[in-house]
PDB file of all heavy atoms in Angstrom:
ATOM      1  N   PHE A   1      -9.726 -11.554 -20.225  1.00  0.00           N
ATOM      2  CA  PHE A   1      -9.550 -12.603 -21.194  1.00  0.00           C
ATOM      3  C   PHE A   1      -9.117 -13.980 -20.538  1.00  0.00           C
ATOM      4  O   PHE A   1      -9.615 -15.058 -21.157  1.00  0.00           O
ATOM      5  CB  PHE A   1      -8.281 -12.211 -22.106  1.00  0.00           C
ATOM      6  CG  PHE A   1      -8.637 -11.083 -23.012  1.00  0.00           C
ATOM      7  CD1 PHE A   1      -8.070  -9.767 -22.820  1.00  0.00           C
ATOM      8  CD2 PHE A   1      -9.586 -11.111 -24.102  1.00  0.00           C
ATOM      9  CE1 PHE A   1      -8.354  -8.624 -23.628  1.00  0.00           C
ATOM     10  CE2 PHE A   1      -9.967 -10.203 -24.864  1.00  0.00           C
ATOM     11  CZ  PHE A   1      -9.281  -8.893 -24.764  1.00  0.00           C
ATOM     12  N   ILE A   2      -8.488 -14.012 -19.512  1.00  0.00           N
ATOM     13  CA  ILE A   2      -8.094 -15.202 -18.833  1.00  0.00           C
ATOM     14  C   ILE A   2      -9.314 -15.724 -18.190  1.00  0.00           C
ATOM     15  O   ILE A   2      -9.523 -16.946 -18.213  1.00  0.00           O
ATOM     16  CB  ILE A   2      -6.989 -15.052 -17.796  1.00  0.00           C
ATOM     17  CG1 ILE A   2      -5.775 -14.736 -18.589  1.00  0.00           C
ATOM     18  CG2 ILE A   2      -6.793 -16.325 -16.970  1.00  0.00           C
ATOM     19  CD1 ILE A   2      -4.505 -14.528 -17.721  1.00  0.00           C
ATOM     20  N   SER A   3     -10.089 -14.947 -17.520  1.00  0.00           N
ATOM     21  CA  SER A   3     -11.387 -15.352 -16.822  1.00  0.00           C
ATOM     22  C   SER A   3     -12.348 -16.072 -17.818  1.00  0.00           C
ATOM     23  O   SER A   3     -13.087 -16.941 -17.488  1.00  0.00           O
ATOM     24  CB  SER A   3     -12.055 -14.308 -16.144  1.00  0.00           C
ATOM     25  OG  SER A   3     -11.277 -13.816 -15.083  1.00  0.00           O
ATOM     26  N   ASN A   4     -12.358 -15.468 -19.096  1.00  0.00           N
ATOM     27  CA  ASN A   4     -13.231 -16.022 -20.060  1.00  0.00           C
ATOM     28  C   ASN A   4     -12.865 -17.542 -20.437  1.00  0.00           C
ATOM     29  O   ASN A   4     -13.677 -18.329 -20.690  1.00  0.00           O
ATOM     30  CB  ASN A   4     -13.232 -15.197 -21.299  1.00  0.00           C
ATOM     31  CG  ASN A   4     -14.013 -13.903 -21.191  1.00  0.00           C
ATOM     32  OD1 ASN A   4     -14.833 -13.839 -20.296  1.00  0.00           O
ATOM     33  ND2 ASN A   4     -13.619 -12.831 -21.957  1.00  0.00           N
ATOM     34  N   LYS A   5     -11.416 -17.791 -20.473  1.00  0.00           N
ATOM     35  CA  LYS A   5     -11.021 -19.070 -20.788  1.00  0.00           C
ATOM     36  C   LYS A   5     -11.128 -20.064 -19.493  1.00  0.00           C
ATOM     37  O   LYS A   5     -11.362 -21.206 -19.661  1.00  0.00           O
ATOM     38  CB  LYS A   5      -9.604 -19.045 -21.391  1.00  0.00           C
ATOM     39  CG  LYS A   5      -9.500 -18.345 -22.749  1.00  0.00           C
ATOM     40  CD  LYS A   5      -8.129 -18.543 -23.272  1.00  0.00           C
ATOM     41  CE  LYS A   5      -8.013 -17.932 -24.700  1.00  0.00           C
ATOM     42  NZ  LYS A   5      -6.653 -18.039 -25.322  1.00  0.00           N
ATOM     43  N   TYR A   6     -10.798 -19.496 -18.387  1.00  0.00           N
ATOM     44  CA  TYR A   6     -10.751 -20.243 -17.213  1.00  0.00           C
ATOM     45  C   TYR A   6     -11.602 -19.576 -16.018  1.00  0.00           C
ATOM     46  O   TYR A   6     -11.014 -18.720 -15.297  1.00  0.00           O
ATOM     47  CB  TYR A   6      -9.238 -20.409 -16.758  1.00  0.00           C
ATOM     48  CG  TYR A   6      -8.423 -21.003 -17.786  1.00  0.00           C
ATOM     49  CD1 TYR A   6      -7.626 -20.275 -18.644  1.00  0.00           C
ATOM     50  CD2 TYR A   6      -8.343 -22.407 -17.953  1.00  0.00           C
ATOM     51  CE1 TYR A   6      -6.801 -20.776 -19.613  1.00  0.00           C
ATOM     52  CE2 TYR A   6      -7.491 -22.964 -18.911  1.00  0.00           C
ATOM     53  CZ  TYR A   6      -6.749 -22.166 -19.728  1.00  0.00           C
ATOM     54  OH  TYR A   6      -6.046 -22.805 -20.715  1.00  0.00           O
ATOM     55  N   PRO A   7     -12.853 -19.726 -16.013  1.00  0.00           N
ATOM     56  CA  PRO A   7     -13.770 -19.027 -15.135  1.00  0.00           C
ATOM     57  C   PRO A   7     -13.418 -19.177 -13.679  1.00  0.00           C
ATOM     58  O   PRO A   7     -13.674 -18.232 -12.926  1.00  0.00           O
ATOM     59  CB  PRO A   7     -15.094 -19.660 -15.476  1.00  0.00           C
ATOM     60  CG  PRO A   7     -14.960 -20.287 -16.847  1.00  0.00           C
ATOM     61  CD  PRO A   7     -13.648 -20.680 -16.846  1.00  0.00           C
ATOM     62  N   THR A   8     -12.750 -20.156 -13.257  1.00  0.00           N
ATOM     63  CA  THR A   8     -12.412 -20.292 -11.902  1.00  0.00           C
ATOM     64  C   THR A   8     -11.210 -19.588 -11.412  1.00  0.00           C
ATOM     65  O   THR A   8     -10.858 -19.525 -10.291  1.00  0.00           O
ATOM     66  CB  THR A   8     -12.245 -21.877 -11.515  1.00  0.00           C
ATOM     67  OG1 THR A   8     -11.338 -22.397 -12.326  1.00  0.00           O
ATOM     68  CG2 THR A   8     -13.604 -22.600 -11.560  1.00  0.00           C
ATOM     69  N   ALA A   9     -10.556 -18.961 -12.411  1.00  0.00           N
ATOM     70  CA  ALA A   9      -9.356 -18.170 -12.022  1.00  0.00           C
ATOM     71  C   ALA A   9      -9.782 -16.751 -11.593  1.00  0.00           C
ATOM     72  O   ALA A   9      -9.852 -15.700 -12.449  1.00  0.00           O
ATOM     73  CB  ALA A   9      -8.444 -18.050 -13.292  1.00  0.00           C
ATOM     74  N   ILE A  10     -10.160 -16.624 -10.300  1.00  0.00           N
ATOM     75  CA  ILE A  10     -10.703 -15.449  -9.764  1.00  0.00           C
ATOM     76  C   ILE A  10      -9.590 -14.310  -9.717  1.00  0.00           C
ATOM     77  O   ILE A  10      -8.493 -14.524  -9.257  1.00  0.00           O
ATOM     78  CB  ILE A  10     -11.282 -15.631  -8.427  1.00  0.00           C
ATOM     79  CG1 ILE A  10     -12.407 -16.676  -8.479  1.00  0.00           C
ATOM     80  CG2 ILE A  10     -11.796 -14.312  -7.746  1.00  0.00           C
ATOM     81  CD1 ILE A  10     -12.917 -17.101  -7.177  1.00  0.00           C
ATOM     82  N   TYR A  11      -9.964 -13.165 -10.146  1.00  0.00           N
ATOM     83  CA  TYR A  11      -9.015 -11.998 -10.135  1.00  0.00           C
ATOM     84  C   TYR A  11      -9.204 -11.303  -8.792  1.00  0.00           C
ATOM     85  O   TYR A  11     -10.242 -10.830  -8.395  1.00  0.00           O
ATOM     86  CB  TYR A  11      -9.292 -11.011 -11.285  1.00  0.00           C
ATOM     87  CG  TYR A  11      -8.609  -9.749 -11.148  1.00  0.00           C
ATOM     88  CD1 TYR A  11      -7.175  -9.693 -11.118  1.00  0.00           C
ATOM     89  CD2 TYR A  11      -9.276  -8.437 -11.026  1.00  0.00           C
ATOM     90  CE1 TYR A  11      -6.461  -8.469 -10.921  1.00  0.00           C
ATOM     91  CE2 TYR A  11      -8.618  -7.319 -10.851  1.00  0.00           C
ATOM     92  CZ  TYR A  11      -7.145  -7.345 -10.865  1.00  0.00           C
ATOM     93  OH  TYR A  11      -6.520  -6.109 -10.662  1.00  0.00           O
ATOM     94  N   VAL A  12      -8.100 -11.212  -8.036  1.00  0.00           N
ATOM     95  CA  VAL A  12      -8.040 -10.458  -6.796  1.00  0.00           C
ATOM     96  C   VAL A  12      -6.804  -9.432  -6.855  1.00  0.00           C
ATOM     97  O   VAL A  12      -5.736  -9.829  -7.066  1.00  0.00           O
ATOM     98  CB  VAL A  12      -7.711 -11.468  -5.661  1.00  0.00           C
ATOM     99  CG1 VAL A  12      -7.633 -10.765  -4.400  1.00  0.00           C
ATOM    100  CG2 VAL A  12      -8.734 -12.538  -5.544  1.00  0.00           C
ATOM    101  N   HIS A  13      -7.278  -8.179  -6.711  1.00  0.00           N
ATOM    102  CA  HIS A  13      -6.233  -7.171  -6.646  1.00  0.00           C
ATOM    103  C   HIS A  13      -5.470  -7.244  -5.376  1.00  0.00           C
ATOM    104  O   HIS A  13      -6.053  -7.386  -4.219  1.00  0.00           O
ATOM    105  CB  HIS A  13      -6.942  -5.740  -6.797  1.00  0.00           C
ATOM    106  CG  HIS A  13      -6.158  -4.689  -7.223  1.00  0.00           C
ATOM    107  ND1 HIS A  13      -6.628  -3.516  -7.553  1.00  0.00           N
ATOM    108  CD2 HIS A  13      -4.744  -4.550  -7.230  1.00  0.00           C
ATOM    109  CE1 HIS A  13      -5.612  -2.678  -7.936  1.00  0.00           C
ATOM    110  NE2 HIS A  13      -4.523  -3.336  -7.712  1.00  0.00           N
ATOM    111  N   CYS A  14      -4.241  -6.916  -5.427  1.00  0.00           N
ATOM    112  CA  CYS A  14      -3.380  -7.062  -4.281  1.00  0.00           C
ATOM    113  C   CYS A  14      -3.901  -5.985  -3.204  1.00  0.00           C
ATOM    114  O   CYS A  14      -4.112  -4.788  -3.537  1.00  0.00           O
ATOM    115  CB  CYS A  14      -1.926  -6.531  -4.664  1.00  0.00           C
ATOM    116  SG  CYS A  14      -0.772  -6.216  -3.340  1.00  0.00           S
ATOM    117  N   VAL A  15      -4.217  -6.513  -1.949  1.00  0.00           N
ATOM    118  CA  VAL A  15      -4.801  -5.655  -1.024  1.00  0.00           C
ATOM    119  C   VAL A  15      -3.863  -4.413  -0.557  1.00  0.00           C
ATOM    120  O   VAL A  15      -4.431  -3.379  -0.375  1.00  0.00           O
ATOM    121  CB  VAL A  15      -5.141  -6.527   0.195  1.00  0.00           C
ATOM    122  CG1 VAL A  15      -6.328  -7.373  -0.022  1.00  0.00           C
ATOM    123  CG2 VAL A  15      -3.959  -7.292   0.757  1.00  0.00           C
ATOM    124  N   SER A  16      -2.538  -4.665  -0.514  1.00  0.00           N
ATOM    125  CA  SER A  16      -1.676  -3.618  -0.107  1.00  0.00           C
ATOM    126  C   SER A  16      -1.665  -2.508  -1.252  1.00  0.00           C
ATOM    127  O   SER A  16      -1.740  -1.358  -0.914  1.00  0.00           O
ATOM    128  CB  SER A  16      -0.308  -4.195   0.074  1.00  0.00           C
ATOM    129  OG  SER A  16       0.646  -3.147   0.414  1.00  0.00           O
ATOM    130  N   HIS A  17      -1.660  -3.010  -2.413  1.00  0.00           N
ATOM    131  CA  HIS A  17      -1.793  -1.983  -3.588  1.00  0.00           C
ATOM    132  C   HIS A  17      -3.126  -1.348  -3.629  1.00  0.00           C
ATOM    133  O   HIS A  17      -3.219  -0.061  -3.896  1.00  0.00           O
ATOM    134  CB  HIS A  17      -1.449  -2.684  -4.870  1.00  0.00           C
ATOM    135  CG  HIS A  17      -1.129  -1.704  -6.053  1.00  0.00           C
ATOM    136  ND1 HIS A  17      -1.653  -1.933  -7.299  1.00  0.00           N
ATOM    137  CD2 HIS A  17      -0.487  -0.570  -6.122  1.00  0.00           C
ATOM    138  CE1 HIS A  17      -1.284  -0.933  -8.101  1.00  0.00           C
ATOM    139  NE2 HIS A  17      -0.546  -0.171  -7.421  1.00  0.00           N
ATOM    140  N   SER A  18      -4.224  -2.039  -3.281  1.00  0.00           N
ATOM    141  CA  SER A  18      -5.495  -1.345  -3.176  1.00  0.00           C
ATOM    142  C   SER A  18      -5.516  -0.279  -2.105  1.00  0.00           C
ATOM    143  O   SER A  18      -6.058   0.771  -2.363  1.00  0.00           O
ATOM    144  CB  SER A  18      -6.576  -2.489  -2.835  1.00  0.00           C
ATOM    145  OG  SER A  18      -6.775  -3.427  -3.836  1.00  0.00           O
ATOM    146  N   LEU A  19      -4.838  -0.515  -1.112  1.00  0.00           N
ATOM    147  CA  LEU A  19      -4.789   0.501  -0.113  1.00  0.00           C
ATOM    148  C   LEU A  19      -4.032   1.765  -0.560  1.00  0.00           C
ATOM    149  O   LEU A  19      -4.385   2.907  -0.235  1.00  0.00           O
ATOM    150  CB  LEU A  19      -4.206  -0.035   1.308  1.00  0.00           C
ATOM    151  CG  LEU A  19      -4.003   0.872   2.424  1.00  0.00           C
ATOM    152  CD1 LEU A  19      -5.448   1.448   2.899  1.00  0.00           C
ATOM    153  CD2 LEU A  19      -3.381   0.407   3.555  1.00  0.00           C
ATOM    154  N   ASN A  20      -2.830   1.448  -1.135  1.00  0.00           N
ATOM    155  CA  ASN A  20      -2.080   2.537  -1.763  1.00  0.00           C
ATOM    156  C   ASN A  20      -2.891   3.416  -2.776  1.00  0.00           C
ATOM    157  O   ASN A  20      -2.724   4.537  -2.771  1.00  0.00           O
ATOM    158  CB  ASN A  20      -0.784   2.003  -2.418  1.00  0.00           C
ATOM    159  CG  ASN A  20       0.232   1.582  -1.407  1.00  0.00           C
ATOM    160  OD1 ASN A  20       0.155   1.903  -0.327  1.00  0.00           O
ATOM    161  ND2 ASN A  20       1.258   0.808  -1.998  1.00  0.00           N
ATOM    162  N   LEU A  21      -3.642   2.751  -3.564  1.00  0.00           N
ATOM    163  CA  LEU A  21      -4.326   3.433  -4.513  1.00  0.00           C
ATOM    164  C   LEU A  21      -5.543   4.236  -3.942  1.00  0.00           C
ATOM    165  O   LEU A  21      -5.875   5.275  -4.273  1.00  0.00           O
ATOM    166  CB  LEU A  21      -5.084   2.451  -5.508  1.00  0.00           C
ATOM    167  CG  LEU A  21      -4.049   1.801  -6.528  1.00  0.00           C
ATOM    168  CD1 LEU A  21      -4.785   0.754  -7.407  1.00  0.00           C
ATOM    169  CD2 LEU A  21      -3.393   2.786  -7.434  1.00  0.00           C
ATOM    170  N   ALA A  22      -6.088   3.690  -2.945  1.00  0.00           N
ATOM    171  CA  ALA A  22      -7.166   4.411  -2.106  1.00  0.00           C
ATOM    172  C   ALA A  22      -6.684   5.681  -1.449  1.00  0.00           C
ATOM    173  O   ALA A  22      -7.216   6.731  -1.610  1.00  0.00           O
ATOM    174  CB  ALA A  22      -7.747   3.558  -1.053  1.00  0.00           C
ATOM    175  N   LEU A  23      -5.483   5.509  -0.865  1.00  0.00           N
ATOM    176  CA  LEU A  23      -4.850   6.755  -0.277  1.00  0.00           C
ATOM    177  C   LEU A  23      -4.372   7.849  -1.315  1.00  0.00           C
ATOM    178  O   LEU A  23      -4.567   8.941  -1.036  1.00  0.00           O
ATOM    179  CB  LEU A  23      -3.510   6.260   0.568  1.00  0.00           C
ATOM    180  CG  LEU A  23      -3.860   5.302   1.711  1.00  0.00           C
ATOM    181  CD1 LEU A  23      -2.557   4.970   2.506  1.00  0.00           C
ATOM    182  CD2 LEU A  23      -4.847   5.917   2.649  1.00  0.00           C
ATOM    183  N   SER A  24      -3.936   7.253  -2.446  1.00  0.00           N
ATOM    184  CA  SER A  24      -3.443   8.115  -3.582  1.00  0.00           C
ATOM    185  C   SER A  24      -4.634   9.020  -4.101  1.00  0.00           C
ATOM    186  O   SER A  24      -4.588  10.152  -4.229  1.00  0.00           O
ATOM    187  CB  SER A  24      -2.725   7.347  -4.654  1.00  0.00           C
ATOM    188  OG  SER A  24      -2.359   8.242  -5.709  1.00  0.00           O
ATOM    189  N   ASN A  25      -5.766   8.302  -4.207  1.00  0.00           N
ATOM    190  CA  ASN A  25      -6.985   8.929  -4.861  1.00  0.00           C
ATOM    191  C   ASN A  25      -7.534   9.922  -3.756  1.00  0.00           C
ATOM    192  O   ASN A  25      -7.995  10.975  -4.167  1.00  0.00           O
ATOM    193  CB  ASN A  25      -7.934   7.946  -5.212  1.00  0.00           C
ATOM    194  CG  ASN A  25      -7.602   7.135  -6.537  1.00  0.00           C
ATOM    195  OD1 ASN A  25      -6.780   7.541  -7.186  1.00  0.00           O
ATOM    196  ND2 ASN A  25      -8.234   6.112  -6.601  1.00  0.00           N
ATOM    197  N   SER A  26      -7.513   9.543  -2.554  1.00  0.00           N
ATOM    198  CA  SER A  26      -8.014  10.464  -1.491  1.00  0.00           C
ATOM    199  C   SER A  26      -7.249  11.765  -1.308  1.00  0.00           C
ATOM    200  O   SER A  26      -7.764  12.763  -0.836  1.00  0.00           O
ATOM    201  CB  SER A  26      -8.075   9.686  -0.185  1.00  0.00           C
ATOM    202  OG  SER A  26      -6.906   9.389   0.311  1.00  0.00           O
ATOM    203  N   ALA A  27      -5.848  11.676  -1.714  1.00  0.00           N
ATOM    204  CA  ALA A  27      -5.016  12.769  -1.630  1.00  0.00           C
ATOM    205  C   ALA A  27      -5.192  13.824  -2.749  1.00  0.00           C
ATOM    206  O   ALA A  27      -4.464  14.695  -2.851  1.00  0.00           O
ATOM    207  CB  ALA A  27      -3.608  12.264  -1.482  1.00  0.00           C
ATOM    208  N   GLU A  28      -6.287  13.557  -3.543  1.00  0.00           N
ATOM    209  CA  GLU A  28      -6.613  14.463  -4.616  1.00  0.00           C
ATOM    210  C   GLU A  28      -7.245  15.717  -4.159  1.00  0.00           C
ATOM    211  O   GLU A  28      -7.568  16.726  -4.906  1.00  0.00           O
ATOM    212  CB  GLU A  28      -7.385  13.896  -5.706  1.00  0.00           C
ATOM    213  CG  GLU A  28      -6.516  12.847  -6.525  1.00  0.00           C
ATOM    214  CD  GLU A  28      -5.330  13.492  -7.212  1.00  0.00           C
ATOM    215  OE1 GLU A  28      -5.464  14.502  -7.866  1.00  0.00           O
ATOM    216  OE2 GLU A  28      -4.142  12.969  -6.953  1.00  0.00           O
TER     217      GLU A  28
END
């Protein structure tokens, strides 16, 4: 919704949290 109003507001997922999610999913 924010990107639609402000296209230059690029969404970047926290890299540390991305790693945590990757490890969590791999542990399945």
